[in-house]
Amino acid sequence: MRLRAALEAVPPEGLGAAARSYLRTAPLLTRTEAPAQLRAALLETAFVEDGLPE
């Protein structure tokens, strides 16, 4: 939650693509009690959807 709060404090135009992808998926990552492996898969999927490199 600290990462999310820190990113939300930055103006959107100041965020990089990875930060924007994270913020888009943050509700799924922070509101569920999914295991770490599933949260990592959700974030990886978001990065792929957003066209970010590996």
PDB file of N, CA and C in Angstrom:
ATOM      1  N   MET A   1       0.811  -1.188   0.000  1.00  0.00           N
ATOM      2  CA  MET A   1       0.000   0.000   0.000  1.00  0.00           C
ATOM      3  C   MET A   1       0.862   1.263   0.000  1.00  0.00           C
ATOM      4  N   ARG A   2       2.061   1.163   0.532  1.00  0.00           N
ATOM      5  CA  ARG A   2       2.931   2.337   0.540  1.00  0.00           C
ATOM      6  C   ARG A   2       3.330   2.730  -0.877  1.00  0.00           C
ATOM      7  N   LEU A   3       3.614   1.731  -1.699  1.00  0.00           N
ATOM      8  CA  LEU A   3       3.980   2.018  -3.082  1.00  0.00           C
ATOM      9  C   LEU A   3       2.830   2.705  -3.791  1.00  0.00           C
ATOM     10  N   ARG A   4       1.649   2.176  -3.619  1.00  0.00           N
ATOM     11  CA  ARG A   4       0.473   2.773  -4.265  1.00  0.00           C
ATOM     12  C   ARG A   4       0.280   4.223  -3.816  1.00  0.00           C
ATOM     13  N   ALA A   5       0.377   4.472  -2.526  1.00  0.00           N
ATOM     14  CA  ALA A   5       0.206   5.829  -2.005  1.00  0.00           C
ATOM     15  C   ALA A   5       1.274   6.760  -2.563  1.00  0.00           C
ATOM     16  N   ALA A   6       2.500   6.274  -2.658  1.00  0.00           N
ATOM     17  CA  ALA A   6       3.578   7.103  -3.192  1.00  0.00           C
ATOM     18  C   ALA A   6       3.334   7.438  -4.659  1.00  0.00           C
ATOM     19  N   LEU A   7       2.903   6.461  -5.433  1.00  0.00           N
ATOM     20  CA  LEU A   7       2.650   6.699  -6.856  1.00  0.00           C
ATOM     21  C   LEU A   7       1.458   7.622  -7.066  1.00  0.00           C
ATOM     22  N   GLU A   8       0.451   7.491  -6.240  1.00  0.00           N
ATOM     23  CA  GLU A   8      -0.721   8.346  -6.373  1.00  0.00           C
ATOM     24  C   GLU A   8      -0.412   9.798  -6.014  1.00  0.00           C
ATOM     25  N   ALA A   9       0.688  10.036  -5.298  1.00  0.00           N
ATOM     26  CA  ALA A   9       1.083  11.395  -4.935  1.00  0.00           C
ATOM     27  C   ALA A   9       1.799  12.114  -6.077  1.00  0.00           C
ATOM     28  N   VAL A  10       2.194  11.367  -7.102  1.00  0.00           N
ATOM     29  CA  VAL A  10       2.910  11.933  -8.249  1.00  0.00           C
ATOM     30  C   VAL A  10       1.889  12.315  -9.320  1.00  0.00           C
ATOM     31  N   PRO A  11       2.050  13.474  -9.942  1.00  0.00           N
ATOM     32  CA  PRO A  11       1.144  13.828 -11.042  1.00  0.00           C
ATOM     33  C   PRO A  11       1.214  12.763 -12.149  1.00  0.00           C
ATOM     34  N   PRO A  12       0.080  12.398 -12.745  1.00  0.00           N
ATOM     35  CA  PRO A  12       0.055  11.331 -13.748  1.00  0.00           C
ATOM     36  C   PRO A  12       1.073  11.513 -14.872  1.00  0.00           C
ATOM     37  N   GLU A  13       1.303  12.749 -15.293  1.00  0.00           N
ATOM     38  CA  GLU A  13       2.248  12.970 -16.384  1.00  0.00           C
ATOM     39  C   GLU A  13       3.687  12.700 -15.951  1.00  0.00           C
ATOM     40  N   GLY A  14       3.928  12.595 -14.662  1.00  0.00           N
ATOM     41  CA  GLY A  14       5.264  12.311 -14.150  1.00  0.00           C
ATOM     42  C   GLY A  14       5.542  10.835 -13.956  1.00  0.00           C
ATOM     43  N   LEU A  15       4.549   9.994 -14.211  1.00  0.00           N
ATOM     44  CA  LEU A  15       4.706   8.552 -14.012  1.00  0.00           C
ATOM     45  C   LEU A  15       5.162   7.864 -15.295  1.00  0.00           C
ATOM     46  N   GLY A  16       5.977   6.847 -15.133  1.00  0.00           N
ATOM     47  CA  GLY A  16       6.380   6.023 -16.264  1.00  0.00           C
ATOM     48  C   GLY A  16       5.320   4.963 -16.556  1.00  0.00           C
ATOM     49  N   ALA A  17       5.518   4.244 -17.630  1.00  0.00           N
ATOM     50  CA  ALA A  17       4.545   3.239 -18.057  1.00  0.00           C
ATOM     51  C   ALA A  17       4.350   2.140 -17.018  1.00  0.00           C
ATOM     52  N   ALA A  18       5.423   1.681 -16.399  1.00  0.00           N
ATOM     53  CA  ALA A  18       5.300   0.619 -15.396  1.00  0.00           C
ATOM     54  C   ALA A  18       4.484   1.095 -14.194  1.00  0.00           C
ATOM     55  N   ALA A  19       4.691   2.324 -13.783  1.00  0.00           N
ATOM     56  CA  ALA A  19       3.929   2.872 -12.653  1.00  0.00           C
ATOM     57  C   ALA A  19       2.452   2.969 -12.999  1.00  0.00           C
ATOM     58  N   ARG A  20       2.143   3.389 -14.217  1.00  0.00           N
ATOM     59  CA  ARG A  20       0.737   3.480 -14.629  1.00  0.00           C
ATOM     60  C   ARG A  20       0.098   2.089 -14.681  1.00  0.00           C
ATOM     61  N   SER A  21       0.845   1.100 -15.150  1.00  0.00           N
ATOM     62  CA  SER A  21       0.328  -0.274 -15.173  1.00  0.00           C
ATOM     63  C   SER A  21       0.065  -0.769 -13.756  1.00  0.00           C
ATOM     64  N   TYR A  22       0.995  -0.472 -12.858  1.00  0.00           N
ATOM     65  CA  TYR A  22       0.814  -0.881 -11.475  1.00  0.00           C
ATOM     66  C   TYR A  22      -0.439  -0.243 -10.882  1.00  0.00           C
ATOM     67  N   LEU A  23      -0.605   1.050 -11.083  1.00  0.00           N
ATOM     68  CA  LEU A  23      -1.770   1.731 -10.519  1.00  0.00           C
ATOM     69  C   LEU A  23      -3.076   1.182 -11.084  1.00  0.00           C
ATOM     70  N   ARG A  24      -3.048   0.788 -12.342  1.00  0.00           N
ATOM     71  CA  ARG A  24      -4.258   0.224 -12.957  1.00  0.00           C
ATOM     72  C   ARG A  24      -4.641  -1.094 -12.291  1.00  0.00           C
ATOM     73  N   THR A  25      -3.659  -1.867 -11.882  1.00  0.00           N
ATOM     74  CA  THR A  25      -3.940  -3.171 -11.280  1.00  0.00           C
ATOM     75  C   THR A  25      -3.901  -3.148  -9.753  1.00  0.00           C
ATOM     76  N   ALA A  26      -3.512  -2.031  -9.172  1.00  0.00           N
ATOM     77  CA  ALA A  26      -3.373  -1.950  -7.716  1.00  0.00           C
ATOM     78  C   ALA A  26      -4.614  -2.401  -6.952  1.00  0.00           C
ATOM     79  N   PRO A  27      -5.822  -2.051  -7.399  1.00  0.00           N
ATOM     80  CA  PRO A  27      -6.984  -2.537  -6.642  1.00  0.00           C
ATOM     81  C   PRO A  27      -7.042  -4.066  -6.552  1.00  0.00           C
ATOM     82  N   LEU A  28      -6.691  -4.742  -7.629  1.00  0.00           N
ATOM     83  CA  LEU A  28      -6.675  -6.205  -7.592  1.00  0.00           C
ATOM     84  C   LEU A  28      -5.580  -6.730  -6.672  1.00  0.00           C
ATOM     85  N   LEU A  29      -4.459  -6.038  -6.661  1.00  0.00           N
ATOM     86  CA  LEU A  29      -3.317  -6.496  -5.880  1.00  0.00           C
ATOM     87  C   LEU A  29      -3.481  -6.217  -4.395  1.00  0.00           C
ATOM     88  N   THR A  30      -4.154  -5.135  -4.053  1.00  0.00           N
ATOM     89  CA  THR A  30      -4.235  -4.741  -2.645  1.00  0.00           C
ATOM     90  C   THR A  30      -5.535  -5.141  -1.959  1.00  0.00           C
ATOM     91  N   ARG A  31      -6.557  -5.428  -2.713  1.00  0.00           N
ATOM     92  CA  ARG A  31      -7.854  -5.756  -2.092  1.00  0.00           C
ATOM     93  C   ARG A  31      -8.114  -7.248  -1.985  1.00  0.00           C
ATOM     94  N   THR A  32      -7.258  -8.037  -2.566  1.00  0.00           N
ATOM     95  CA  THR A  32      -7.449  -9.483  -2.495  1.00  0.00           C
ATOM     96  C   THR A  32      -6.417 -10.083  -1.564  1.00  0.00           C
ATOM     97  N   GLU A  33      -6.698 -11.257  -1.119  1.00  0.00           N
ATOM     98  CA  GLU A  33      -5.739 -11.982  -0.299  1.00  0.00           C
ATOM     99  C   GLU A  33      -5.102 -13.082  -1.134  1.00  0.00           C
ATOM    100  N   ALA A  34      -4.908 -12.799  -2.405  1.00  0.00           N
ATOM    101  CA  ALA A  34      -4.309 -13.760  -3.307  1.00  0.00           C
ATOM    102  C   ALA A  34      -2.850 -13.986  -2.920  1.00  0.00           C
ATOM    103  N   PRO A  35      -2.365 -15.198  -3.149  1.00  0.00           N
ATOM    104  CA  PRO A  35      -0.954 -15.457  -2.856  1.00  0.00           C
ATOM    105  C   PRO A  35      -0.043 -14.609  -3.748  1.00  0.00           C
ATOM    106  N   ALA A  36       1.187 -14.437  -3.292  1.00  0.00           N
ATOM    107  CA  ALA A  36       2.152 -13.591  -4.005  1.00  0.00           C
ATOM    108  C   ALA A  36       2.319 -14.019  -5.457  1.00  0.00           C
ATOM    109  N   GLN A  37       2.331 -15.303  -5.725  1.00  0.00           N
ATOM    110  CA  GLN A  37       2.522 -15.780  -7.103  1.00  0.00           C
ATOM    111  C   GLN A  37       1.376 -15.312  -8.003  1.00  0.00           C
ATOM    112  N   LEU A  38       0.161 -15.328  -7.518  1.00  0.00           N
ATOM    113  CA  LEU A  38      -0.974 -14.871  -8.312  1.00  0.00           C
ATOM    114  C   LEU A  38      -0.927 -13.355  -8.509  1.00  0.00           C
ATOM    115  N   ARG A  39      -0.568 -12.618  -7.476  1.00  0.00           N
ATOM    116  CA  ARG A  39      -0.434 -11.172  -7.624  1.00  0.00           C
ATOM    117  C   ARG A  39       0.643 -10.821  -8.642  1.00  0.00           C
ATOM    118  N   ALA A  40       1.739 -11.572  -8.631  1.00  0.00           N
ATOM    119  CA  ALA A  40       2.804 -11.348  -9.616  1.00  0.00           C
ATOM    120  C   ALA A  40       2.303 -11.632 -11.021  1.00  0.00           C
ATOM    121  N   ALA A  41       1.509 -12.680 -11.174  1.00  0.00           N
ATOM    122  CA  ALA A  41       0.956 -13.014 -12.491  1.00  0.00           C
ATOM    123  C   ALA A  41      -0.001 -11.925 -12.975  1.00  0.00           C
ATOM    124  N   LEU A  42      -0.799 -11.369 -12.085  1.00  0.00           N
ATOM    125  CA  LEU A  42      -1.704 -10.284 -12.457  1.00  0.00           C
ATOM    126  C   LEU A  42      -0.925  -9.061 -12.934  1.00  0.00           C
ATOM    127  N   LEU A  43       0.134  -8.738 -12.235  1.00  0.00           N
ATOM    128  CA  LEU A  43       0.959  -7.591 -12.620  1.00  0.00           C
ATOM    129  C   LEU A  43       1.673  -7.858 -13.947  1.00  0.00           C
ATOM    130  N   GLU A  44       2.173  -9.069 -14.124  1.00  0.00           N
ATOM    131  CA  GLU A  44       2.821  -9.426 -15.393  1.00  0.00           C
ATOM    132  C   GLU A  44       1.831  -9.318 -16.552  1.00  0.00           C
ATOM    133  N   THR A  45       0.619  -9.781 -16.349  1.00  0.00           N
ATOM    134  CA  THR A  45      -0.410  -9.691 -17.385  1.00  0.00           C
ATOM    135  C   THR A  45      -0.688  -8.237 -17.750  1.00  0.00           C
ATOM    136  N   ALA A  46      -0.765  -7.381 -16.762  1.00  0.00           N
ATOM    137  CA  ALA A  46      -0.996  -5.959 -17.023  1.00  0.00           C
ATOM    138  C   ALA A  46       0.146  -5.367 -17.831  1.00  0.00           C
ATOM    139  N   PHE A  47       1.373  -5.733 -17.496  1.00  0.00           N
ATOM    140  CA  PHE A  47       2.528  -5.219 -18.241  1.00  0.00           C
ATOM    141  C   PHE A  47       2.474  -5.687 -19.691  1.00  0.00           C
ATOM    142  N   VAL A  48       2.117  -6.944 -19.910  1.00  0.00           N
ATOM    143  CA  VAL A  48       2.009  -7.470 -21.279  1.00  0.00           C
ATOM    144  C   VAL A  48       0.907  -6.727 -22.032  1.00  0.00           C
ATOM    145  N   GLU A  49      -0.248  -6.557 -21.390  1.00  0.00           N
ATOM    146  CA  GLU A  49      -1.367  -5.838 -22.021  1.00  0.00           C
ATOM    147  C   GLU A  49      -0.974  -4.411 -22.408  1.00  0.00           C
ATOM    148  N   ASP A  50      -0.124  -3.796 -21.592  1.00  0.00           N
ATOM    149  CA  ASP A  50       0.289  -2.423 -21.836  1.00  0.00           C
ATOM    150  C   ASP A  50       1.504  -2.330 -22.767  1.00  0.00           C
ATOM    151  N   GLY A  51       1.986  -3.477 -23.249  1.00  0.00           N
ATOM    152  CA  GLY A  51       3.090  -3.485 -24.201  1.00  0.00           C
ATOM    153  C   GLY A  51       4.439  -3.164 -23.606  1.00  0.00           C
ATOM    154  N   LEU A  52       4.613  -3.411 -22.310  1.00  0.00           N
ATOM    155  CA  LEU A  52       5.901  -3.139 -21.677  1.00  0.00           C
ATOM    156  C   LEU A  52       6.877  -4.288 -21.939  1.00  0.00           C
ATOM    157  N   PRO A  53       8.150  -3.972 -22.056  1.00  0.00           N
ATOM    158  CA  PRO A  53       9.144  -5.033 -22.277  1.00  0.00           C
ATOM    159  C   PRO A  53       9.316  -5.884 -21.021  1.00  0.00           C
ATOM    160  N   GLU A  54       9.893  -7.045 -21.200  1.00  0.00           N
ATOM    161  CA  GLU A  54      10.125  -7.946 -20.059  1.00  0.00           C
ATOM    162  C   GLU A  54      11.046  -7.323 -19.040  1.00  0.00           C
TER     163      GLU A  54
END
